[in-house]
Protein backbone atom coordinates (compact mmCIF):
# COMPACT_ATOMS: atom_id res chain seq x y z
CA MET A 1 -17.63 5.07 -18.56
CA THR A 2 -21.27 5.17 -19.59
CA VAL A 3 -23.24 7.93 -17.90
CA ALA A 4 -25.06 9.44 -20.86
CA ALA A 5 -28.67 10.38 -20.05
CA SER A 6 -28.09 9.27 -16.46
CA ARG A 7 -28.26 11.31 -13.29
CA VAL A 8 -24.92 11.02 -11.49
CA PHE A 9 -24.28 10.90 -7.74
CA VAL A 10 -21.30 10.18 -5.50
CA TYR A 11 -22.14 7.62 -2.81
CA GLY A 12 -20.17 8.64 0.28
CA ALA A 13 -19.61 12.21 1.50
CA SER A 14 -16.30 11.67 3.31
CA GLY A 15 -12.86 12.92 2.31
CA HIS A 16 -12.63 10.08 -0.20
CA GLY A 17 -15.96 11.26 -1.55
CA LYS A 18 -14.34 14.60 -2.35
CA VAL A 19 -11.63 12.78 -4.29
CA VAL A 20 -14.17 10.79 -6.30
CA ALA A 21 -16.33 13.84 -6.99
CA ASP A 22 -13.24 15.75 -8.10
CA ILE A 23 -12.44 12.98 -10.61
CA LEU A 24 -15.92 13.18 -12.11
CA LEU A 25 -15.80 16.98 -12.28
CA ALA A 26 -12.38 16.79 -13.96
CA LEU A 27 -14.05 14.57 -16.57
CA ASN A 28 -16.73 17.25 -17.09
CA ILE A 29 -19.42 14.98 -15.70
CA ALA A 30 -22.25 16.83 -14.03
CA VAL A 31 -22.58 15.57 -10.45
CA GLU A 32 -25.96 16.29 -8.86
CA GLY A 33 -24.68 15.72 -5.33
CA PHE A 34 -23.72 13.18 -2.68
CA ILE A 35 -25.57 10.24 -1.14
CA ASP A 36 -24.73 9.16 2.40
CA ASP A 37 -26.43 6.85 4.89
CA ASP A 38 -24.93 8.61 7.92
CA PRO A 39 -27.42 11.21 9.25
CA ARG A 40 -24.48 13.27 10.51
CA CYS A 41 -23.48 13.92 6.91
CA GLN A 42 -26.87 15.15 5.73
CA SER A 43 -25.99 18.84 6.21
CA ALA A 44 -22.52 18.59 4.65
CA GLU A 45 -21.62 20.24 1.33
CA PRO A 46 -18.31 18.72 0.14
CA LEU A 47 -16.92 20.72 -2.78
CA GLY A 48 -20.07 22.82 -2.63
CA LEU A 49 -22.28 19.85 -3.55
CA ARG A 50 -25.16 18.96 -1.25
CA VAL A 51 -25.81 15.62 0.40
CA LEU A 52 -29.21 14.95 -1.15
CA GLY A 53 -30.28 11.88 0.81
CA ASP A 54 -29.52 8.32 1.80
CA GLY A 55 -29.74 5.00 -0.02
CA ASN A 56 -33.53 4.90 0.29
CA TRP A 57 -33.75 8.30 -1.36
CA LEU A 58 -31.48 7.08 -4.16
CA ALA A 59 -33.67 4.02 -4.69
CA GLU A 60 -36.69 6.29 -5.14
CA GLN A 61 -34.83 8.33 -7.73
CA ALA A 62 -33.85 5.18 -9.63
CA GLN A 63 -37.53 4.24 -9.98
CA ASN A 64 -38.20 7.38 -12.00
CA SER A 65 -35.09 7.94 -14.11
CA PRO A 66 -31.74 6.34 -15.01
CA VAL A 67 -29.31 6.83 -12.14
CA SER A 68 -25.58 6.11 -11.79
CA ALA A 69 -23.32 6.33 -8.76
CA ALA A 70 -19.59 6.44 -8.15
CA LEU A 71 -18.69 4.50 -5.00
CA ALA A 72 -16.78 6.62 -2.49
CA ILE A 73 -16.46 4.36 0.56
CA GLY A 74 -12.91 3.48 1.58
CA ASP A 75 -13.68 0.30 3.53
CA ASN A 76 -13.58 -2.67 1.16
CA PHE A 77 -16.37 -4.67 2.79
CA ALA A 78 -18.72 -1.71 3.11
CA ARG A 79 -18.04 -0.81 -0.52
CA HIS A 80 -18.91 -4.37 -1.57
CA GLU A 81 -22.21 -4.24 0.30
CA LEU A 82 -22.94 -0.84 -1.20
CA ALA A 83 -22.21 -2.06 -4.72
CA ASN A 84 -24.61 -4.97 -4.24
CA ARG A 85 -27.28 -2.61 -2.99
CA CYS A 86 -26.84 -0.27 -5.96
CA VAL A 87 -27.17 -3.15 -8.40
CA SER A 88 -30.30 -4.40 -6.61
CA ILE A 89 -32.01 -1.00 -6.99
CA ARG A 90 -30.85 -0.61 -10.60
CA VAL A 91 -28.28 2.09 -9.97
CA GLY A 92 -25.38 1.88 -12.42
CA LEU A 93 -21.83 1.75 -11.09
CA ILE A 94 -19.45 4.29 -12.57
CA THR A 95 -15.82 3.50 -13.32
CA ALA A 96 -14.09 6.81 -12.58
CA ILE A 97 -10.63 7.39 -14.06
CA HIS A 98 -8.86 10.68 -13.40
CA PRO A 99 -7.57 12.39 -16.57
CA SER A 100 -4.00 12.20 -15.23
CA ALA A 101 -4.18 8.43 -14.61
CA THR A 102 -2.41 6.25 -17.16
CA ILE A 103 -4.24 3.07 -18.11
CA ALA A 104 -2.63 0.81 -20.72
CA ALA A 105 -4.80 -0.11 -23.68
CA SER A 106 -4.47 -3.81 -22.86
CA ALA A 107 -5.29 -3.41 -19.16
CA ILE A 108 -8.74 -4.47 -17.92
CA LEU A 109 -10.62 -2.55 -15.23
CA GLY A 110 -13.83 -3.88 -13.68
CA ARG A 111 -16.92 -1.77 -13.14
CA GLY A 112 -16.93 0.60 -10.21
CA VAL A 113 -13.15 1.04 -10.14
CA VAL A 114 -11.86 4.43 -9.00
CA ALA A 115 -8.47 5.39 -10.45
CA ALA A 116 -7.22 8.57 -8.79
CA ALA A 117 -4.78 11.22 -9.99
CA GLY A 118 -1.41 9.99 -11.15
CA CYS A 119 -2.03 6.27 -10.80
CA ARG A 120 -0.75 3.89 -13.44
CA VAL A 121 -2.01 0.51 -14.69
CA ASN A 122 0.39 -1.11 -17.12
CA PRO A 123 -0.07 -3.59 -19.99
CA ASP A 124 -2.12 -6.76 -19.49
CA ALA A 125 -2.87 -5.98 -15.84
CA GLN A 126 -6.36 -6.83 -14.57
CA VAL A 127 -8.10 -4.87 -11.82
CA GLY A 128 -11.27 -6.31 -10.27
CA GLU A 129 -14.52 -4.43 -9.82
CA GLY A 130 -14.99 -2.01 -6.97
CA THR A 131 -11.25 -1.46 -6.46
CA ILE A 132 -9.72 1.85 -5.39
CA LEU A 133 -6.43 2.78 -7.06
CA ASN A 134 -5.58 5.77 -4.95
CA THR A 135 -3.33 8.72 -5.76
CA GLY A 136 -0.10 7.63 -7.44
CA ALA A 137 -0.71 3.88 -7.07
CA VAL A 138 1.09 1.62 -9.56
CA VAL A 139 -0.15 -1.71 -10.93
CA GLU A 140 2.59 -3.09 -13.15
CA HIS A 141 2.31 -5.33 -16.20
CA ASP A 142 0.49 -8.68 -15.85
CA CYS A 143 -0.68 -8.04 -12.29
CA ARG A 144 -3.95 -9.53 -11.07
CA VAL A 145 -5.82 -7.35 -8.59
CA GLY A 146 -8.91 -8.87 -6.96
CA LYS A 147 -12.33 -7.34 -6.41
CA PHE A 148 -13.03 -4.64 -3.82
CA THR A 149 -9.39 -4.07 -2.99
CA HIS A 150 -7.69 -0.78 -2.11
CA LEU A 151 -4.23 0.39 -3.13
CA SER A 152 -3.47 3.39 -0.94
CA PRO A 153 -1.54 6.43 -2.22
CA ASN A 154 1.82 5.46 -3.76
CA ALA A 155 1.33 1.73 -3.16
CA ALA A 156 2.94 -0.31 -5.92
CA MET A 157 2.72 -3.84 -7.32
CA GLY A 158 5.59 -5.21 -9.40
CA GLY A 159 5.09 -7.13 -12.63
CA GLY A 160 3.02 -10.29 -12.30
CA ALA A 161 2.16 -9.73 -8.64
CA THR A 162 -1.32 -10.64 -7.37
CA LEU A 163 -3.65 -9.22 -4.74
CA GLY A 164 -6.65 -11.17 -3.45
CA ASP A 165 -10.23 -9.95 -3.04
CA PHE A 166 -10.86 -7.43 -0.23
CA SER A 167 -7.16 -6.83 0.47
CA TRP A 168 -5.71 -3.42 1.31
CA LEU A 169 -2.20 -2.17 0.55
CA GLY A 170 -1.15 0.61 2.91
CA MET A 171 0.32 3.92 1.84
CA GLY A 172 3.69 3.54 0.13
CA SER A 173 3.76 -0.25 0.46
CA VAL A 174 5.37 -2.40 -2.23
CA VAL A 175 4.62 -5.93 -3.47
CA ILE A 176 7.59 -7.07 -5.53
CA HIS A 177 7.23 -8.77 -8.89
CA GLY A 178 5.64 -12.22 -8.95
CA VAL A 179 4.60 -12.20 -5.27
CA ALA A 180 1.04 -13.08 -4.22
CA VAL A 181 -0.88 -11.39 -1.40
CA GLY A 182 -3.96 -13.38 -0.39
CA SER A 183 -7.57 -12.35 0.13
CA GLY A 184 -8.70 -10.22 3.05
CA CYS A 185 -5.19 -9.03 3.88
CA ILE A 186 -3.95 -5.71 5.22
CA VAL A 187 -0.41 -4.68 4.30
CA GLY A 188 0.98 -1.92 6.50
CA ALA A 189 2.16 1.46 5.27
CA GLY A 190 5.69 1.37 3.87
CA ALA A 191 5.90 -2.43 3.96
CA ALA A 192 7.94 -4.39 1.42
CA VAL A 193 6.28 -7.70 0.55
CA VAL A 194 8.99 -9.98 -0.82
CA GLN A 195 7.33 -13.37 -0.36
CA ASP A 196 3.78 -14.70 -0.64
CA VAL A 197 1.31 -13.74 2.09
CA ARG A 198 -1.53 -16.11 3.00
CA ASP A 199 -5.20 -15.09 3.24
CA TRP A 200 -6.66 -13.04 6.11
CA VAL A 201 -3.59 -11.67 7.84
CA VAL A 202 -1.96 -8.34 8.62
CA ALA A 203 1.60 -8.02 7.30
CA ALA A 204 3.97 -5.15 8.02
CA GLY A 205 7.62 -4.20 8.01
CA VAL A 206 10.64 -4.44 5.72
CA PRO A 207 10.61 -7.19 4.73
CA ALA A 208 6.92 -7.68 5.52
CA ARG A 209 6.06 -10.31 8.11
CA VAL A 210 2.70 -11.58 9.34
CA ILE A 211 1.90 -9.87 12.65
CA LYS A 212 -1.77 -10.69 13.11
CA GLU A 213 -4.53 -13.01 11.96
CA ILE A 214 -7.84 -11.59 10.71
CA GLU A 215 -11.20 -13.29 11.22
CA PRO A 216 -12.41 -14.20 7.68
CA VAL A 217 -15.42 -12.22 6.54
CA TYR A 218 -15.99 -13.38 2.96
CA SER A 219 -14.84 -16.16 0.70
CA PRO A 220 -13.06 -15.06 -2.48
CA LEU A 221 -15.56 -13.65 -4.95
CA PRO A 222 -16.45 -15.52 -8.16
């Protein structure tokens, strides 16, 4: 990640914000503090770091000096909007990889990815920008993970599996090798996805079955 000569902030002061800040601190990156648009968070001090302001405050800082931010918003759509805002105000997006994460040399991670403790990305896998690979998540060889997705703790994708933009794999869920999960999907905790899942649905169970339709929010990203 490139943060040299840049002031570093974590955008989002929630519990996930603590996780992201902890990753940066484990990498010996000096974090100035948190940014959060929720006024209720302004007095918080996660990990002893202050919430310094909101997005408008961050934009002012970016006018005067190089600024970078690690995205710490769990919701995929909100994180996408936040990433666009950061780019528009010339705030760099940090790709944060915990020292205990294992990323194969041939794997490709997009900007703004967060790879938490113990996660693994194996050879020739591709992970789209803005994705969260949470604690212990596994992306096997040759997988294709879309942009602004979220693999919850201990979620796993078998070799050659795919996950569409904005989709979310619940805690401990599994997508077996070669299976495709569409865009905008939610896969329930502990589910086993053994056949392809179409776009914009909720799937749950063992084996996973579609239990609900989701109103489409975005088209797949370019």
